[in-house]
Each structure stands twice: as structure tokens, then as C-alpha cells.
């Protein structure tokens, strides 16, 4: 068998009047108007970032679960702290009255102090309720919940700096919440509804 013989499988292909077929392993060209498929099996349906098919139930990432638990804990502690501050303001007012503070200046100062403590207690209660509402909405997701959680934790970090020896726990929890929610898998969890097809 020589190189130019028509029966030689290793020789040059002979044009027999037909169009040539592409070689082995080369993907076929799609006709006009049909999207090009890749080599091999047909294209798989899109997959969500946590695996599975779009619309399938996904599990919340571990660090997002941790941030949610931390927000519930901080919200509960702020709720208890706000109630304790309000109760303490009334207890101190009754102590001043029983001590016999009779001057008008002493009474005005006591009333101002009680008003400030009640105001701080109410701010703590509102802060706790906002944190608990955000933590409850982690399951449904949404970028607004993510941004709100980061802002909430930033305020927690800021206010814990003013009470630092006692506020070290809330400082650490606030920083961890910011980090966990801002990470890539946290962002993917909160934006998962936009990614579904």
C-alpha cells in the first residue's frame, strides 16, 4: 500500500464529490439560528452557588447561621439591658425621694438623670428590636437585609467602643457579624433570589 492509494486509511482523503466531514473529536457546526452546543453531552441546566438546581431548597451557609445567632444573642442582651436601665432609672428616682433631697436643683438634676436613662433604655430597646427583625429575615434573604445587618453591627461596634471594658463581647460579636455577612458566601446567600433563572 502506498501513500496515495484510495484504500490507505493513513493517506490523504480523496474528494469524492461530497462535502468532507469534520474529523473525530471536532464538534459539529450548528446550522444558522441554532445556538452552538459544546462537545459531548448537552448543556446542563444552571446550578446555584450552593449546588442543586435553581429553585431547589438551599441550606444557609454556616457563617451566615452564626451571624444570625449572634444577632439574636445581641438583640436579647440589648432588650434586657434596655429594660434594666429603665427599671434602674425609676429605682434611683425613688431612692432620691426617700433620701430626702428637698432642694429644687437636686430634684431637677434627678429628673434630668432619670430622663436620660429612660431615653438610653428606649434606644437600647429599639436597637434590640431592629436586630431581632433583621435576624428573623435572614431566611428570606435580600440585599437589604444584608446591608441592614452590616449597618446594625457597625452601630453595635461603635457603641461598644464607648463602654469598652464591659462592651468587649458586643465589640467582638459585632465585628464577626460584619465579617460573616460581608463574605462572598454570605453575599451569595442574600442575593440567591436574583441568581435563580
Protein backbone atom coordinates (compact mmCIF):
# COMPACT_ATOMS: atom_id res chain seq x y z
CA UNK A 1 0.00 0.00 0.00
CA UNK A 2 1.40 3.32 -0.94
CA UNK A 3 0.66 6.76 0.39
CA UNK A 4 -1.63 7.83 -2.45
CA UNK A 5 -3.77 4.71 -2.70
CA UNK A 6 -7.50 5.15 -2.07
CA UNK A 7 -7.69 2.20 0.32
CA UNK A 8 -4.92 3.52 2.54
CA UNK A 9 -6.52 4.64 5.86
CA UNK A 10 -3.49 6.85 6.59
CA UNK A 11 -3.34 8.54 3.26
CA UNK A 12 -4.73 11.85 2.08
CA UNK A 13 -8.53 11.83 1.90
CA UNK A 14 -9.87 11.71 -1.61
CA UNK A 15 -12.61 14.14 -2.58
CA UNK A 16 -15.43 12.02 -3.94
CA UNK A 17 -17.72 14.90 -4.79
CA UNK A 18 -19.25 15.13 -1.30
CA UNK A 19 -18.54 17.64 1.44
CA UNK A 20 -15.96 16.48 3.90
CA UNK A 21 -17.00 15.50 7.37
CA UNK A 22 -15.02 17.02 10.26
CA UNK A 23 -12.51 14.74 11.92
CA UNK A 24 -13.05 12.72 15.05
CA UNK A 25 -13.46 14.79 18.22
CA UNK A 26 -14.24 18.01 16.41
CA UNK A 27 -17.62 19.49 17.42
CA UNK A 28 -20.16 19.75 14.65
CA UNK A 29 -21.10 23.21 13.44
CA UNK A 30 -24.67 24.18 14.27
CA UNK A 31 -26.91 25.39 11.46
CA UNK A 32 -27.76 29.09 11.22
CA UNK A 33 -30.02 30.31 14.04
CA UNK A 34 -29.29 27.36 16.35
CA UNK A 35 -27.02 28.11 19.31
CA UNK A 36 -23.69 26.28 19.33
CA UNK A 37 -23.55 23.32 21.72
CA UNK A 38 -20.30 22.26 23.33
CA UNK A 39 -18.54 18.98 22.68
CA UNK A 40 -20.04 15.93 24.33
CA UNK A 41 -23.23 15.88 26.33
CA UNK A 42 -25.92 18.53 26.03
CA UNK A 43 -25.58 21.57 28.24
CA UNK A 44 -26.69 21.04 31.85
CA UNK A 45 -29.20 23.35 33.49
CA UNK A 46 -27.74 26.23 35.52
CA UNK A 47 -26.60 25.37 39.01
CA UNK A 48 -26.98 27.58 42.07
CA UNK A 49 -23.86 28.61 44.03
CA UNK A 50 -24.67 26.11 46.80
CA UNK A 51 -25.31 23.18 44.47
CA UNK A 52 -28.55 21.77 43.22
CA UNK A 53 -30.93 23.17 40.68
CA UNK A 54 -32.32 26.70 40.75
CA UNK A 55 -35.42 26.92 42.85
CA UNK A 56 -34.34 23.94 44.96
CA UNK A 57 -34.14 24.44 48.71
CA UNK A 58 -30.69 25.66 49.69
CA UNK A 59 -29.14 25.49 53.10
CA UNK A 60 -27.91 28.64 54.79
CA UNK A 61 -24.08 28.74 54.97
CA UNK A 62 -22.55 28.12 58.38
CA UNK A 63 -21.08 31.58 58.84
CA UNK A 64 -24.42 33.22 57.97
CA UNK A 65 -26.12 30.97 60.53
CA UNK A 66 -23.52 32.05 63.09
CA UNK A 67 -24.10 35.72 62.31
CA UNK A 68 -27.84 35.19 62.73
CA UNK A 69 -27.39 33.52 66.12
CA UNK A 70 -25.06 36.33 67.22
CA UNK A 71 -27.65 38.92 66.21
CA UNK A 72 -30.33 37.10 68.22
CA UNK A 73 -27.99 37.00 71.24
CA UNK A 74 -27.05 40.68 70.95
CA UNK A 75 -30.69 41.64 70.42
CA UNK A 76 -31.75 39.72 73.52
CA UNK A 77 -28.97 41.27 75.60
CA UNK A 78 -29.90 44.76 74.39
CA UNK A 79 -33.54 44.08 75.20
CA UNK A 80 -32.66 43.00 78.75
CA UNK A 81 -30.22 45.90 79.11
CA UNK A 82 -32.81 48.46 77.97
CA UNK A 83 -35.40 47.13 80.39
CA UNK A 84 -32.81 47.12 83.21
CA UNK A 85 -31.81 50.74 82.51
CA UNK A 86 -35.44 51.89 82.57
CA UNK A 87 -36.11 49.97 85.80
CA UNK A 88 -32.91 51.36 87.33
CA UNK A 89 -33.93 54.93 86.49
CA UNK A 90 -37.18 54.53 88.43
CA UNK A 91 -35.38 52.82 91.31
CA UNK A 92 -32.84 55.66 91.56
CA UNK A 93 -35.62 58.26 91.49
CA UNK A 94 -37.41 56.56 94.37
CA UNK A 95 -34.11 56.33 96.31
CA UNK A 96 -33.54 60.06 95.89
CA UNK A 97 -37.06 60.82 97.13
CA UNK A 98 -36.60 58.56 100.16
CA UNK A 99 -33.22 60.16 100.95
CA UNK A 100 -34.99 63.46 101.37
CA UNK A 101 -33.46 65.54 98.60
CA UNK A 102 -35.55 68.69 99.01
CA UNK A 103 -33.77 71.35 97.01
CA UNK A 104 -35.21 72.24 93.62
CA UNK A 105 -31.82 71.85 91.97
CA UNK A 106 -31.43 68.31 93.30
CA UNK A 107 -34.90 67.38 92.06
CA UNK A 108 -34.26 68.90 88.62
CA UNK A 109 -30.93 67.07 88.37
CA UNK A 110 -32.58 63.80 89.39
CA UNK A 111 -35.36 64.29 86.85
CA UNK A 112 -32.80 65.04 84.12
CA UNK A 113 -30.82 61.94 85.03
CA UNK A 114 -33.95 59.81 85.02
CA UNK A 115 -34.98 61.21 81.62
CA UNK A 116 -31.55 60.47 80.14
CA UNK A 117 -31.61 56.91 81.48
CA UNK A 118 -35.12 56.30 80.13
CA UNK A 119 -34.05 57.68 76.74
CA UNK A 120 -30.98 55.39 76.65
CA UNK A 121 -33.15 52.44 77.68
CA UNK A 122 -35.61 53.16 74.86
CA UNK A 123 -32.77 53.44 72.33
CA UNK A 124 -31.49 50.06 73.53
CA UNK A 125 -34.97 48.55 73.14
CA UNK A 126 -35.37 49.91 69.61
CA UNK A 127 -31.87 48.69 68.70
CA UNK A 128 -32.72 45.23 70.05
CA UNK A 129 -35.99 45.02 68.10
CA UNK A 130 -34.29 46.10 64.85
CA UNK A 131 -31.59 43.44 65.35
CA UNK A 132 -34.13 40.72 66.04
CA UNK A 133 -36.22 41.66 62.99
CA UNK A 134 -33.11 41.56 60.78
CA UNK A 135 -32.09 38.19 62.25
CA UNK A 136 -35.57 36.81 61.59
CA UNK A 137 -35.38 37.91 57.95
CA UNK A 138 -32.09 36.09 57.23
CA UNK A 139 -34.05 33.10 55.93
CA UNK A 140 -35.81 35.07 53.20
CA UNK A 141 -32.63 36.86 52.17
CA UNK A 142 -32.43 40.01 50.13
CA UNK A 143 -29.61 42.50 49.81
CA UNK A 144 -31.45 44.99 52.05
CA UNK A 145 -31.29 42.52 54.95
CA UNK A 146 -27.58 42.06 54.35
CA UNK A 147 -26.85 45.78 54.24
CA UNK A 148 -29.11 46.44 57.23
CA UNK A 149 -27.28 43.76 59.22
CA UNK A 150 -23.90 45.27 58.38
CA UNK A 151 -25.10 48.75 59.41
CA UNK A 152 -26.70 47.37 62.60
CA UNK A 153 -23.49 45.54 63.55
CA UNK A 154 -21.44 48.67 62.76
CA UNK A 155 -23.53 50.67 65.24
CA UNK A 156 -23.09 47.87 67.78
CA UNK A 157 -19.32 48.07 67.32
CA UNK A 158 -19.36 51.86 67.59
CA UNK A 159 -21.42 51.94 70.80
CA UNK A 160 -19.45 49.10 72.36
CA UNK A 161 -16.28 51.17 71.96
CA UNK A 162 -17.74 53.73 74.38
CA UNK A 163 -18.27 51.07 77.04
CA UNK A 164 -15.12 49.12 76.33
CA UNK A 165 -14.26 47.11 79.38
CA UNK A 166 -17.82 45.80 79.59
CA UNK A 167 -18.51 46.07 75.85
CA UNK A 168 -15.74 43.76 74.64
CA UNK A 169 -18.21 40.92 73.97
CA UNK A 170 -20.53 43.08 71.86
CA UNK A 171 -17.50 44.52 70.06
CA UNK A 172 -16.27 41.04 69.11
CA UNK A 173 -19.74 39.83 68.12
CA UNK A 174 -20.37 42.96 66.03
CA UNK A 175 -17.11 42.55 64.12
CA UNK A 176 -17.84 38.86 63.49
CA UNK A 177 -21.33 39.66 62.21
CA UNK A 178 -19.90 42.21 59.76
CA UNK A 179 -17.26 39.76 58.51
CA UNK A 180 -19.63 36.79 58.18
CA UNK A 181 -22.36 38.70 56.37
CA UNK A 182 -19.93 40.56 54.07
CA UNK A 183 -18.07 37.42 52.90
CA UNK A 184 -18.69 36.03 49.41
CA UNK A 185 -20.88 33.13 50.51
CA UNK A 186 -22.89 35.48 52.70
CA UNK A 187 -23.43 37.79 49.75
CA UNK A 188 -24.39 34.80 47.59
CA UNK A 189 -26.91 33.67 50.22
CA UNK A 190 -28.61 37.05 50.44
CA UNK A 191 -28.61 37.53 46.63
CA UNK A 192 -29.70 33.98 45.80
CA UNK A 193 -33.19 35.01 44.67
CA UNK A 194 -31.69 37.18 41.93
CA UNK A 195 -29.49 34.33 40.67
CA UNK A 196 -32.31 31.89 40.07
CA UNK A 197 -33.47 31.58 36.50
